Amino acid sequence: MAATPNKQFKNICVLSGFNYGKHKEFVEATIDLGRSIAERKLHLVYGGGNQGLSKLVSEVAFVRGSQVLGIIPRALKSLGSLSDSPTGEELVISGMQERITEMLNHADDLFSYQEILQL
């Protein structure tokens, strides 16, 4: 989706990797993304995980003052794969299909990293 310069966005959904991977430039880009979200006073909606790039972007945005909403399926939460103290707010839903639907419902739009930096 292309960013529309005339539209004001407040809530952004970011889908990112569960792991850091082997490329440190992904970590650097994720930190930049979290900073950009906070600088623009945007709210972040993400998948609610407590590992990898998903958690990193949520922490950076939250620490810098953004509202953060993590949306997590009940099954993943009950596996103990999530921290006891989520970053920001947490919405526990029934399953993976509902997760994507809720993430998009809570966001104004879905953007790529480059599109967010151009907002």
PDB file of N, CA and C in Angstrom:
ATOM      1  N   MET A   1       0.837  -1.181   0.000  1.00  0.00           N
ATOM      2  CA  MET A   1       0.000   0.000   0.000  1.00  0.00           C
ATOM      3  C   MET A   1       0.878   1.238   0.000  1.00  0.00           C
ATOM      4  N   ALA A   2       0.516   2.186  -0.744  1.00  0.00           N
ATOM      5  CA  ALA A   2       1.292   3.416  -0.818  1.00  0.00           C
ATOM      6  C   ALA A   2       0.781   4.421   0.206  1.00  0.00           C
ATOM      7  N   ALA A   3       1.676   5.106   0.842  1.00  0.00           N
ATOM      8  CA  ALA A   3       1.295   6.128   1.817  1.00  0.00           C
ATOM      9  C   ALA A   3       0.648   7.297   1.091  1.00  0.00           C
ATOM     10  N   THR A   4      -0.431   7.786   1.653  1.00  0.00           N
ATOM     11  CA  THR A   4      -1.123   8.935   1.088  1.00  0.00           C
ATOM     12  C   THR A   4      -0.719  10.163   1.878  1.00  0.00           C
ATOM     13  N   PRO A   5      -0.017  11.129   1.272  1.00  0.00           N
ATOM     14  CA  PRO A   5       0.505  12.262   2.023  1.00  0.00           C
ATOM     15  C   PRO A   5      -0.574  13.149   2.624  1.00  0.00           C
ATOM     16  N   ASN A   6      -1.779  13.165   2.075  1.00  0.00           N
ATOM     17  CA  ASN A   6      -2.841  14.041   2.564  1.00  0.00           C
ATOM     18  C   ASN A   6      -3.573  13.466   3.772  1.00  0.00           C
ATOM     19  N   LYS A   7      -3.442  12.195   4.016  1.00  0.00           N
ATOM     20  CA  LYS A   7      -4.166  11.541   5.099  1.00  0.00           C
ATOM     21  C   LYS A   7      -3.326  11.529   6.374  1.00  0.00           C
ATOM     22  N   GLN A   8      -3.963  11.875   7.487  1.00  0.00           N
ATOM     23  CA  GLN A   8      -3.275  11.832   8.778  1.00  0.00           C
ATOM     24  C   GLN A   8      -3.437  10.436   9.382  1.00  0.00           C
ATOM     25  N   PHE A   9      -2.343   9.802   9.700  1.00  0.00           N
ATOM     26  CA  PHE A   9      -2.376   8.484  10.309  1.00  0.00           C
ATOM     27  C   PHE A   9      -2.021   8.598  11.781  1.00  0.00           C
ATOM     28  N   LYS A  10      -2.676   7.818  12.593  1.00  0.00           N
ATOM     29  CA  LYS A  10      -2.397   7.814  14.017  1.00  0.00           C
ATOM     30  C   LYS A  10      -1.975   6.423  14.493  1.00  0.00           C
ATOM     31  N   ASN A  11      -2.561   5.387  13.909  1.00  0.00           N
ATOM     32  CA  ASN A  11      -2.317   4.005  14.335  1.00  0.00           C
ATOM     33  C   ASN A  11      -1.708   3.206  13.196  1.00  0.00           C
ATOM     34  N   ILE A  12      -0.510   2.666  13.433  1.00  0.00           N
ATOM     35  CA  ILE A  12       0.209   1.942  12.397  1.00  0.00           C
ATOM     36  C   ILE A  12       0.422   0.502  12.840  1.00  0.00           C
ATOM     37  N   CYS A  13       0.121  -0.435  11.944  1.00  0.00           N
ATOM     38  CA  CYS A  13       0.357  -1.850  12.197  1.00  0.00           C
ATOM     39  C   CYS A  13       1.682  -2.235  11.566  1.00  0.00           C
ATOM     40  N   VAL A  14       2.537  -2.884  12.343  1.00  0.00           N
ATOM     41  CA  VAL A  14       3.824  -3.343  11.834  1.00  0.00           C
ATOM     42  C   VAL A  14       3.896  -4.852  12.018  1.00  0.00           C
ATOM     43  N   LEU A  15       4.131  -5.553  10.921  1.00  0.00           N
ATOM     44  CA  LEU A  15       4.355  -6.998  10.947  1.00  0.00           C
ATOM     45  C   LEU A  15       5.837  -7.218  10.740  1.00  0.00           C
ATOM     46  N   SER A  16       6.479  -7.888  11.682  1.00  0.00           N
ATOM     47  CA  SER A  16       7.924  -8.092  11.556  1.00  0.00           C
ATOM     48  C   SER A  16       8.301  -9.467  12.062  1.00  0.00           C
ATOM     49  N   GLY A  17       9.555  -9.800  11.902  1.00  0.00           N
ATOM     50  CA  GLY A  17      10.043 -11.130  12.235  1.00  0.00           C
ATOM     51  C   GLY A  17      10.075 -11.427  13.715  1.00  0.00           C
ATOM     52  N   PHE A  18       9.918 -12.704  14.026  1.00  0.00           N
ATOM     53  CA  PHE A  18       9.959 -13.185  15.396  1.00  0.00           C
ATOM     54  C   PHE A  18      11.402 -13.302  15.889  1.00  0.00           C
ATOM     55  N   ASN A  19      12.335 -13.495  14.961  1.00  0.00           N
ATOM     56  CA  ASN A  19      13.749 -13.629  15.317  1.00  0.00           C
ATOM     57  C   ASN A  19      14.548 -12.443  14.779  1.00  0.00           C
ATOM     58  N   TYR A  20      15.730 -12.251  15.340  1.00  0.00           N
ATOM     59  CA  TYR A  20      16.623 -11.194  14.866  1.00  0.00           C
ATOM     60  C   TYR A  20      17.291 -11.571  13.550  1.00  0.00           C
ATOM     61  N   GLY A  21      17.473 -12.840  13.309  1.00  0.00           N
ATOM     62  CA  GLY A  21      18.188 -13.261  12.111  1.00  0.00           C
ATOM     63  C   GLY A  21      19.672 -12.994  12.269  1.00  0.00           C
ATOM     64  N   LYS A  22      20.415 -13.160  11.195  1.00  0.00           N
ATOM     65  CA  LYS A  22      21.859 -12.983  11.290  1.00  0.00           C
ATOM     66  C   LYS A  22      22.351 -11.655  10.757  1.00  0.00           C
ATOM     67  N   HIS A  23      21.455 -10.785  10.365  1.00  0.00           N
ATOM     68  CA  HIS A  23      21.852  -9.513   9.778  1.00  0.00           C
ATOM     69  C   HIS A  23      21.599  -8.369  10.757  1.00  0.00           C
ATOM     70  N   LYS A  24      22.671  -7.760  11.246  1.00  0.00           N
ATOM     71  CA  LYS A  24      22.499  -6.689  12.230  1.00  0.00           C
ATOM     72  C   LYS A  24      21.829  -5.458  11.636  1.00  0.00           C
ATOM     73  N   GLU A  25      21.842  -5.322  10.307  1.00  0.00           N
ATOM     74  CA  GLU A  25      21.152  -4.180   9.705  1.00  0.00           C
ATOM     75  C   GLU A  25      19.638  -4.269   9.904  1.00  0.00           C
ATOM     76  N   PHE A  26      19.099  -5.481  10.094  1.00  0.00           N
ATOM     77  CA  PHE A  26      17.672  -5.620  10.401  1.00  0.00           C
ATOM     78  C   PHE A  26      17.374  -5.049  11.787  1.00  0.00           C
ATOM     79  N   VAL A  27      18.267  -5.298  12.716  1.00  0.00           N
ATOM     80  CA  VAL A  27      18.107  -4.758  14.067  1.00  0.00           C
ATOM     81  C   VAL A  27      18.181  -3.232  14.018  1.00  0.00           C
ATOM     82  N   GLU A  28      19.155  -2.695  13.302  1.00  0.00           N
ATOM     83  CA  GLU A  28      19.304  -1.240  13.189  1.00  0.00           C
ATOM     84  C   GLU A  28      18.073  -0.611  12.528  1.00  0.00           C
ATOM     85  N   ALA A  29      17.554  -1.241  11.472  1.00  0.00           N
ATOM     86  CA  ALA A  29      16.368  -0.724  10.789  1.00  0.00           C
ATOM     87  C   ALA A  29      15.147  -0.777  11.706  1.00  0.00           C
ATOM     88  N   THR A  30      15.047  -1.814  12.524  1.00  0.00           N
ATOM     89  CA  THR A  30      13.929  -1.939  13.452  1.00  0.00           C
ATOM     90  C   THR A  30      13.985  -0.859  14.524  1.00  0.00           C
ATOM     91  N   ILE A  31      15.168  -0.568  15.026  1.00  0.00           N
ATOM     92  CA  ILE A  31      15.333   0.508  16.004  1.00  0.00           C
ATOM     93  C   ILE A  31      14.963   1.847  15.369  1.00  0.00           C
ATOM     94  N   ASP A  32      15.412   2.083  14.150  1.00  0.00           N
ATOM     95  CA  ASP A  32      15.052   3.317  13.433  1.00  0.00           C
ATOM     96  C   ASP A  32      13.540   3.415  13.236  1.00  0.00           C
ATOM     97  N   LEU A  33      12.917   2.312  12.917  1.00  0.00           N
ATOM     98  CA  LEU A  33      11.468   2.294  12.725  1.00  0.00           C
ATOM     99  C   LEU A  33      10.744   2.655  14.020  1.00  0.00           C
ATOM    100  N   GLY A  34      11.153   2.065  15.142  1.00  0.00           N
ATOM    101  CA  GLY A  34      10.545   2.401  16.434  1.00  0.00           C
ATOM    102  C   GLY A  34      10.716   3.866  16.776  1.00  0.00           C
ATOM    103  N   ARG A  35      11.892   4.401  16.515  1.00  0.00           N
ATOM    104  CA  ARG A  35      12.144   5.836  16.753  1.00  0.00           C
ATOM    105  C   ARG A  35      11.248   6.707  15.866  1.00  0.00           C
ATOM    106  N   SER A  36      11.137   6.335  14.590  1.00  0.00           N
ATOM    107  CA  SER A  36      10.316   7.111  13.648  1.00  0.00           C
ATOM    108  C   SER A  36       8.850   7.101  14.061  1.00  0.00           C
ATOM    109  N   ILE A  37       8.368   5.972  14.517  1.00  0.00           N
ATOM    110  CA  ILE A  37       6.978   5.876  14.969  1.00  0.00           C
ATOM    111  C   ILE A  37       6.753   6.819  16.145  1.00  0.00           C
ATOM    112  N   ALA A  38       7.676   6.795  17.107  1.00  0.00           N
ATOM    113  CA  ALA A  38       7.534   7.655  18.289  1.00  0.00           C
ATOM    114  C   ALA A  38       7.686   9.132  17.931  1.00  0.00           C
ATOM    115  N   GLU A  39       8.660   9.467  17.090  1.00  0.00           N
ATOM    116  CA  GLU A  39       8.871  10.867  16.693  1.00  0.00           C
ATOM    117  C   GLU A  39       7.642  11.449  16.013  1.00  0.00           C
ATOM    118  N   ARG A  40       6.934  10.626  15.288  1.00  0.00           N
ATOM    119  CA  ARG A  40       5.735  11.078  14.574  1.00  0.00           C
ATOM    120  C   ARG A  40       4.474  10.970  15.424  1.00  0.00           C
ATOM    121  N   LYS A  41       4.673  10.587  16.694  1.00  0.00           N
ATOM    122  CA  LYS A  41       3.581  10.464  17.658  1.00  0.00           C
ATOM    123  C   LYS A  41       2.482   9.523  17.160  1.00  0.00           C
ATOM    124  N   LEU A  42       2.933   8.423  16.550  1.00  0.00           N
ATOM    125  CA  LEU A  42       2.021   7.397  16.067  1.00  0.00           C
ATOM    126  C   LEU A  42       1.837   6.318  17.119  1.00  0.00           C
ATOM    127  N   HIS A  43       0.734   5.605  17.035  1.00  0.00           N
ATOM    128  CA  HIS A  43       0.468   4.465  17.903  1.00  0.00           C
ATOM    129  C   HIS A  43       0.839   3.210  17.125  1.00  0.00           C
ATOM    130  N   LEU A  44       1.467   2.265  17.800  1.00  0.00           N
ATOM    131  CA  LEU A  44       1.920   1.029  17.162  1.00  0.00           C
ATOM    132  C   LEU A  44       0.990  -0.118  17.510  1.00  0.00           C
ATOM    133  N   VAL A  45       0.610  -0.882  16.500  1.00  0.00           N
ATOM    134  CA  VAL A  45      -0.108  -2.140  16.673  1.00  0.00           C
ATOM    135  C   VAL A  45       0.820  -3.220  16.137  1.00  0.00           C
ATOM    136  N   TYR A  46       1.070  -4.268  16.944  1.00  0.00           N
ATOM    137  CA  TYR A  46       1.968  -5.341  16.503  1.00  0.00           C
ATOM    138  C   TYR A  46       1.463  -6.668  17.034  1.00  0.00           C
ATOM    139  N   GLY A  47       2.138  -7.740  16.688  1.00  0.00           N
ATOM    140  CA  GLY A  47       1.683  -9.091  17.001  1.00  0.00           C
ATOM    141  C   GLY A  47       1.806  -9.548  18.440  1.00  0.00           C
ATOM    142  N   GLY A  48       2.352  -8.737  19.317  1.00  0.00           N
ATOM    143  CA  GLY A  48       2.378  -9.049  20.746  1.00  0.00           C
ATOM    144  C   GLY A  48       3.459  -9.987  21.210  1.00  0.00           C
ATOM    145  N   GLY A  49       4.361 -10.407  20.352  1.00  0.00           N
ATOM    146  CA  GLY A  49       5.425 -11.327  20.756  1.00  0.00           C
ATOM    147  C   GLY A  49       6.454 -10.673  21.663  1.00  0.00           C
ATOM    148  N   ASN A  50       7.203 -11.501  22.385  1.00  0.00           N
ATOM    149  CA  ASN A  50       8.208 -10.945  23.286  1.00  0.00           C
ATOM    150  C   ASN A  50       9.621 -11.285  22.848  1.00  0.00           C
ATOM    151  N   GLN A  51       9.790 -11.584  21.553  1.00  0.00           N
ATOM    152  CA  GLN A  51      11.113 -11.901  21.041  1.00  0.00           C
ATOM    153  C   GLN A  51      11.319 -11.223  19.698  1.00  0.00           C
ATOM    154  N   GLY A  52      12.550 -11.115  19.315  1.00  0.00           N
ATOM    155  CA  GLY A  52      12.898 -10.695  17.979  1.00  0.00           C
ATOM    156  C   GLY A  52      12.540  -9.266  17.620  1.00  0.00           C
ATOM    157  N   LEU A  53      12.384  -9.043  16.330  1.00  0.00           N
ATOM    158  CA  LEU A  53      12.153  -7.706  15.804  1.00  0.00           C
ATOM    159  C   LEU A  53      10.814  -7.135  16.245  1.00  0.00           C
ATOM    160  N   SER A  54       9.802  -7.992  16.389  1.00  0.00           N
ATOM    161  CA  SER A  54       8.489  -7.531  16.852  1.00  0.00           C
ATOM    162  C   SER A  54       8.595  -6.865  18.225  1.00  0.00           C
ATOM    163  N   LYS A  55       9.248  -7.540  19.128  1.00  0.00           N
ATOM    164  CA  LYS A  55       9.400  -6.994  20.478  1.00  0.00           C
ATOM    165  C   LYS A  55      10.282  -5.746  20.460  1.00  0.00           C
ATOM    166  N   LEU A  56      11.335  -5.770  19.668  1.00  0.00           N
ATOM    167  CA  LEU A  56      12.256  -4.638  19.617  1.00  0.00           C
ATOM    168  C   LEU A  56      11.562  -3.361  19.147  1.00  0.00           C
ATOM    169  N   VAL A  57      10.791  -3.424  18.061  1.00  0.00           N
ATOM    170  CA  VAL A  57      10.108  -2.224  17.576  1.00  0.00           C
ATOM    171  C   VAL A  57       9.106  -1.731  18.613  1.00  0.00           C
ATOM    172  N   SER A  58       8.440  -2.642  19.310  1.00  0.00           N
ATOM    173  CA  SER A  58       7.471  -2.221  20.332  1.00  0.00           C
ATOM    174  C   SER A  58       8.162  -1.544  21.506  1.00  0.00           C
ATOM    175  N   GLU A  59       9.289  -2.077  21.938  1.00  0.00           N
ATOM    176  CA  GLU A  59      10.019  -1.486  23.068  1.00  0.00           C
ATOM    177  C   GLU A  59      10.556  -0.102  22.731  1.00  0.00           C
ATOM    178  N   VAL A  60      11.144   0.038  21.551  1.00  0.00           N
ATOM    179  CA  VAL A  60      11.714   1.329  21.163  1.00  0.00           C
ATOM    180  C   VAL A  60      10.613   2.384  21.066  1.00  0.00           C
ATOM    181  N   ALA A  61       9.507   2.040  20.420  1.00  0.00           N
ATOM    182  CA  ALA A  61       8.400   2.997  20.284  1.00  0.00           C
ATOM    183  C   ALA A  61       7.807   3.334  21.654  1.00  0.00           C
ATOM    184  N   PHE A  62       7.620   2.333  22.501  1.00  0.00           N
ATOM    185  CA  PHE A  62       7.004   2.530  23.822  1.00  0.00           C
ATOM    186  C   PHE A  62       7.880   3.396  24.729  1.00  0.00           C
ATOM    187  N   VAL A  63       9.172   3.095  24.774  1.00  0.00           N
ATOM    188  CA  VAL A  63      10.108   3.854  25.618  1.00  0.00           C
ATOM    189  C   VAL A  63      10.158   5.318  25.205  1.00  0.00           C
ATOM    190  N   ARG A  64       9.940   5.583  23.943  1.00  0.00           N
ATOM    191  CA  ARG A  64       9.979   6.959  23.429  1.00  0.00           C
ATOM    192  C   ARG A  64       8.611   7.632  23.438  1.00  0.00           C
ATOM    193  N   GLY A  65       7.602   6.980  24.051  1.00  0.00           N
ATOM    194  CA  GLY A  65       6.330   7.645  24.290  1.00  0.00           C
ATOM    195  C   GLY A  65       5.150   7.240  23.433  1.00  0.00           C
ATOM    196  N   SER A  66       5.319   6.299  22.522  1.00  0.00           N
ATOM    197  CA  SER A  66       4.192   5.867  21.705  1.00  0.00           C
ATOM    198  C   SER A  66       3.282   4.924  22.484  1.00  0.00           C
ATOM    199  N   GLN A  67       2.004   4.961  22.162  1.00  0.00           N
ATOM    200  CA  GLN A  67       1.089   3.945  22.665  1.00  0.00           C
ATOM    201  C   GLN A  67       1.333   2.689  21.841  1.00  0.00           C
ATOM    202  N   VAL A  68       1.338   1.535  22.515  1.00  0.00           N
ATOM    203  CA  VAL A  68       1.624   0.273  21.853  1.00  0.00           C
ATOM    204  C   VAL A  68       0.540  -0.730  22.221  1.00  0.00           C
ATOM    205  N   LEU A  69       0.021  -1.425  21.211  1.00  0.00           N
ATOM    206  CA  LEU A  69      -0.969  -2.476  21.408  1.00  0.00           C
ATOM    207  C   LEU A  69      -0.441  -3.755  20.783  1.00  0.00           C
ATOM    208  N   GLY A  70      -0.236  -4.768  21.615  1.00  0.00           N
ATOM    209  CA  GLY A  70       0.163  -6.086  21.133  1.00  0.00           C
ATOM    210  C   GLY A  70      -1.055  -6.987  21.084  1.00  0.00           C
ATOM    211  N   ILE A  71      -1.257  -7.655  19.967  1.00  0.00           N
ATOM    212  CA  ILE A  71      -2.412  -8.537  19.798  1.00  0.00           C
ATOM    213  C   ILE A  71      -1.888  -9.962  19.673  1.00  0.00           C
ATOM    214  N   ILE A  72      -2.280 -10.816  20.617  1.00  0.00           N
ATOM    215  CA  ILE A  72      -1.694 -12.144  20.720  1.00  0.00           C
ATOM    216  C   ILE A  72      -2.775 -13.219  20.858  1.00  0.00           C
ATOM    217  N   PRO A  73      -2.649 -14.324  20.141  1.00  0.00           N
ATOM    218  CA  PRO A  73      -3.597 -15.426  20.299  1.00  0.00           C
ATOM    219  C   PRO A  73      -3.455 -16.092  21.674  1.00  0.00           C
ATOM    220  N   ARG A  74      -4.561 -16.508  22.230  1.00  0.00           N
ATOM    221  CA  ARG A  74      -4.595 -17.140  23.548  1.00  0.00           C
ATOM    222  C   ARG A  74      -3.639 -18.337  23.613  1.00  0.00           C
ATOM    223  N   ALA A  75      -3.576 -19.130  22.547  1.00  0.00           N
ATOM    224  CA  ALA A  75      -2.719 -20.319  22.539  1.00  0.00           C
ATOM    225  C   ALA A  75      -1.250 -19.961  22.710  1.00  0.00           C
ATOM    226  N   LEU A  76      -0.793 -18.899  22.074  1.00  0.00           N
ATOM    227  CA  LEU A  76       0.602 -18.488  22.226  1.00  0.00           C
ATOM    228  C   LEU A  76       0.865 -17.943  23.622  1.00  0.00           C
ATOM    229  N   LYS A  77      -0.084 -17.219  24.163  1.00  0.00           N
ATOM    230  CA  LYS A  77       0.082 -16.674  25.503  1.00  0.00           C
ATOM    231  C   LYS A  77       0.171 -17.802  26.524  1.00  0.00           C
ATOM    232  N   SER A  78      -0.678 -18.826  26.366  1.00  0.00           N
ATOM    233  CA  SER A  78      -0.695 -19.924  27.334  1.00  0.00           C
ATOM    234  C   SER A  78       0.541 -20.815  27.237  1.00  0.00           C
ATOM    235  N   LEU A  79       1.275 -20.753  26.122  1.00  0.00           N
ATOM    236  CA  LEU A  79       2.516 -21.521  25.984  1.00  0.00           C
ATOM    237  C   LEU A  79       3.654 -20.921  26.790  1.00  0.00           C
ATOM    238  N   GLY A  80       3.436 -19.721  27.305  1.00  0.00           N
ATOM    239  CA  GLY A  80       4.486 -19.067  28.079  1.00  0.00           C
ATOM    240  C   GLY A  80       5.550 -18.442  27.217  1.00  0.00           C
ATOM    241  N   SER A  81       5.240 -18.250  25.925  1.00  0.00           N
ATOM    242  CA  SER A  81       6.235 -17.665  25.030  1.00  0.00           C
ATOM    243  C   SER A  81       6.260 -16.147  25.123  1.00  0.00           C
ATOM    244  N   LEU A  82       5.439 -15.597  25.969  1.00  0.00           N
ATOM    245  CA  LEU A  82       5.373 -14.153  26.111  1.00  0.00           C
ATOM    246  C   LEU A  82       5.804 -13.741  27.501  1.00  0.00           C
ATOM    247  N   SER A  83       6.318 -12.554  27.600  1.00  0.00           N
ATOM    248  CA  SER A  83       6.753 -12.049  28.898  1.00  0.00           C
ATOM    249  C   SER A  83       5.542 -11.765  29.774  1.00  0.00           C
ATOM    250  N   ASP A  84       5.737 -11.769  31.077  1.00  0.00           N
ATOM    251  CA  ASP A  84       4.661 -11.464  32.009  1.00  0.00           C
ATOM    252  C   ASP A  84       4.285  -9.990  31.952  1.00  0.00           C
ATOM    253  N   SER A  85       5.196  -9.160  31.501  1.00  0.00           N
ATOM    254  CA  SER A  85       4.905  -7.731  31.422  1.00  0.00           C
ATOM    255  C   SER A  85       5.012  -7.271  29.974  1.00  0.00           C
ATOM    256  N   PRO A  86       3.874  -7.251  29.266  1.00  0.00           N
ATOM    257  CA  PRO A  86       3.914  -6.832  27.866  1.00  0.00           C
ATOM    258  C   PRO A  86       4.274  -5.361  27.736  1.00  0.00           C
ATOM    259  N   THR A  87       4.767  -5.004  26.581  1.00  0.00           N
ATOM    260  CA  THR A  87       5.049  -3.602  26.271  1.00  0.00           C
ATOM    261  C   THR A  87       3.736  -2.946  25.893  1.00  0.00           C
ATOM    262  N   GLY A  88       3.302  -1.963  26.652  1.00  0.00           N
ATOM    263  CA  GLY A  88       2.045  -1.284  26.346  1.00  0.00           C
ATOM    264  C   GLY A  88       0.842  -2.143  26.691  1.00  0.00           C
ATOM    265  N   GLU A  89      -0.215  -1.990  25.904  1.00  0.00           N
ATOM    266  CA  GLU A  89      -1.440  -2.755  26.128  1.00  0.00           C
ATOM    267  C   GLU A  89      -1.366  -4.090  25.395  1.00  0.00           C
ATOM    268  N   GLU A  90      -2.167  -5.039  25.889  1.00  0.00           N
ATOM    269  CA  GLU A  90      -2.197  -6.353  25.267  1.00  0.00           C
ATOM    270  C   GLU A  90      -3.648  -6.776  25.072  1.00  0.00           C
ATOM    271  N   LEU A  91      -3.945  -7.281  23.880  1.00  0.00           N
ATOM    272  CA  LEU A  91      -5.263  -7.809  23.575  1.00  0.00           C
ATOM    273  C   LEU A  91      -5.095  -9.284  23.252  1.00  0.00           C
ATOM    274  N   VAL A  92      -5.705 -10.146  24.065  1.00  0.00           N
ATOM    275  CA  VAL A  92      -5.622 -11.590  23.844  1.00  0.00           C
ATOM    276  C   VAL A  92      -6.869 -12.008  23.069  1.00  0.00           C
ATOM    277  N   ILE A  93      -6.642 -12.671  21.941  1.00  0.00           N
ATOM    278  CA  ILE A  93      -7.743 -13.070  21.068  1.00  0.00           C
ATOM    279  C   ILE A  93      -7.706 -14.590  20.879  1.00  0.00           C
ATOM    280  N   SER A  94      -8.695 -15.123  20.144  1.00  0.00           N
ATOM    281  CA  SER A  94      -8.858 -16.574  20.068  1.00  0.00           C
ATOM    282  C   SER A  94      -7.844 -17.284  19.174  1.00  0.00           C
ATOM    283  N   GLY A  95      -7.471 -16.712  18.043  1.00  0.00           N
ATOM    284  CA  GLY A  95      -6.573 -17.444  17.157  1.00  0.00           C
ATOM    285  C   GLY A  95      -5.840 -16.558  16.170  1.00  0.00           C
ATOM    286  N   MET A  96      -5.042 -17.210  15.314  1.00  0.00           N
ATOM    287  CA  MET A  96      -4.180 -16.491  14.375  1.00  0.00           C
ATOM    288  C   MET A  96      -4.975 -15.697  13.341  1.00  0.00           C
ATOM    289  N   GLN A  97      -6.067 -16.257  12.828  1.00  0.00           N
ATOM    290  CA  GLN A  97      -6.858 -15.535  11.833  1.00  0.00           C
ATOM    291  C   GLN A  97      -7.435 -14.260  12.436  1.00  0.00           C
ATOM    292  N   GLU A  98      -7.951 -14.366  13.657  1.00  0.00           N
ATOM    293  CA  GLU A  98      -8.493 -13.193  14.345  1.00  0.00           C
ATOM    294  C   GLU A  98      -7.381 -12.186  14.648  1.00  0.00           C
ATOM    295  N   ARG A  99      -6.186 -12.674  14.889  1.00  0.00           N
ATOM    296  CA  ARG A  99      -5.049 -11.797  15.189  1.00  0.00           C
ATOM    297  C   ARG A  99      -4.809 -10.812  14.047  1.00  0.00           C
ATOM    298  N   ILE A 100      -4.712 -11.320  12.834  1.00  0.00           N
ATOM    299  CA  ILE A 100      -4.472 -10.449  11.683  1.00  0.00           C
ATOM    300  C   ILE A 100      -5.632  -9.476  11.501  1.00  0.00           C
ATOM    301  N   THR A 101      -6.849  -9.990  11.625  1.00  0.00           N
ATOM    302  CA  THR A 101      -8.028  -9.139  11.480  1.00  0.00           C
ATOM    303  C   THR A 101      -8.013  -8.015  12.507  1.00  0.00           C
ATOM    304  N   GLU A 102      -7.735  -8.338  13.758  1.00  0.00           N
ATOM    305  CA  GLU A 102      -7.712  -7.330  14.824  1.00  0.00           C
ATOM    306  C   GLU A 102      -6.568  -6.339  14.643  1.00  0.00           C
ATOM    307  N   MET A 103      -5.421  -6.830  14.193  1.00  0.00           N
ATOM    308  CA  MET A 103      -4.291  -5.926  13.970  1.00  0.00           C
ATOM    309  C   MET A 103      -4.662  -4.881  12.921  1.00  0.00           C
ATOM    310  N   LEU A 104      -5.277  -5.330  11.842  1.00  0.00           N
ATOM    311  CA  LEU A 104      -5.662  -4.395  10.786  1.00  0.00           C
ATOM    312  C   LEU A 104      -6.816  -3.499  11.222  1.00  0.00           C
ATOM    313  N   ASN A 105      -7.735  -4.023  12.032  1.00  0.00           N
ATOM    314  CA  ASN A 105      -8.853  -3.210  12.525  1.00  0.00           C
ATOM    315  C   ASN A 105      -8.394  -2.093  13.459  1.00  0.00           C
ATOM    316  N   HIS A 106      -7.306  -2.309  14.177  1.00  0.00           N
ATOM    317  CA  HIS A 106      -6.801  -1.309  15.119  1.00  0.00           C
ATOM    318  C   HIS A 106      -5.831  -0.323  14.470  1.00  0.00           C
ATOM    319  N   ALA A 107      -5.521  -0.528  13.208  1.00  0.00           N
ATOM    320  CA  ALA A 107      -4.580   0.344  12.506  1.00  0.00           C
ATOM    321  C   ALA A 107      -5.304   1.146  11.433  1.00  0.00           C
ATOM    322  N   ASP A 108      -4.738   2.301  11.103  1.00  0.00           N
ATOM    323  CA  ASP A 108      -5.279   3.109  10.015  1.00  0.00           C
ATOM    324  C   ASP A 108      -4.905   2.527   8.664  1.00  0.00           C
ATOM    325  N   ASP A 109      -3.755   1.870   8.604  1.00  0.00           N
ATOM    326  CA  ASP A 109      -3.276   1.309   7.350  1.00  0.00           C
ATOM    327  C   ASP A 109      -2.086   0.408   7.660  1.00  0.00           C
ATOM    328  N   LEU A 110      -1.627  -0.319   6.670  1.00  0.00           N
ATOM    329  CA  LEU A 110      -0.462  -1.180   6.799  1.00  0.00           C
ATOM    330  C   LEU A 110       0.607  -0.643   5.855  1.00  0.00           C
ATOM    331  N   PHE A 111       1.812  -0.398   6.384  1.00  0.00           N
ATOM    332  CA  PHE A 111       2.869   0.237   5.612  1.00  0.00           C
ATOM    333  C   PHE A 111       4.129  -0.594   5.611  1.00  0.00           C
ATOM    334  N   SER A 112       4.921  -0.374   4.587  1.00  0.00           N
ATOM    335  CA  SER A 112       6.274  -0.906   4.602  1.00  0.00           C
ATOM    336  C   SER A 112       7.146   0.066   5.403  1.00  0.00           C
ATOM    337  N   TYR A 113       8.334  -0.367   5.752  1.00  0.00           N
ATOM    338  CA  TYR A 113       9.283   0.460   6.495  1.00  0.00           C
ATOM    339  C   TYR A 113       9.564   1.769   5.751  1.00  0.00           C
ATOM    340  N   GLN A 114       9.796   1.680   4.439  1.00  0.00           N
ATOM    341  CA  GLN A 114      10.108   2.876   3.656  1.00  0.00           C
ATOM    342  C   GLN A 114       8.930   3.851   3.644  1.00  0.00           C
ATOM    343  N   GLU A 115       7.721   3.345   3.584  1.00  0.00           N
ATOM    344  CA  GLU A 115       6.545   4.209   3.562  1.00  0.00           C
ATOM    345  C   GLU A 115       6.384   4.964   4.884  1.00  0.00           C
ATOM    346  N   ILE A 116       6.673   4.319   5.997  1.00  0.00           N
ATOM    347  CA  ILE A 116       6.561   4.976   7.293  1.00  0.00           C
ATOM    348  C   ILE A 116       7.569   6.125   7.381  1.00  0.00           C
ATOM    349  N   LEU A 117       8.764   5.900   6.911  1.00  0.00           N
ATOM    350  CA  LEU A 117       9.772   6.954   6.968  1.00  0.00           C
ATOM    351  C   LEU A 117       9.411   8.148   6.091  1.00  0.00           C
ATOM    352  N   GLN A 118       8.550   7.950   5.108  1.00  0.00           N
ATOM    353  CA  GLN A 118       8.144   9.043   4.215  1.00  0.00           C
ATOM    354  C   GLN A 118       6.908   9.774   4.701  1.00  0.00           C
ATOM    355  N   LEU A 119       6.244   9.289   5.752  1.00  0.00           N
ATOM    356  CA  LEU A 119       5.021   9.951   6.250  1.00  0.00           C
ATOM    357  C   LEU A 119       5.335  11.330   6.784  1.00  0.00           C
TER     358      LEU A 119
END
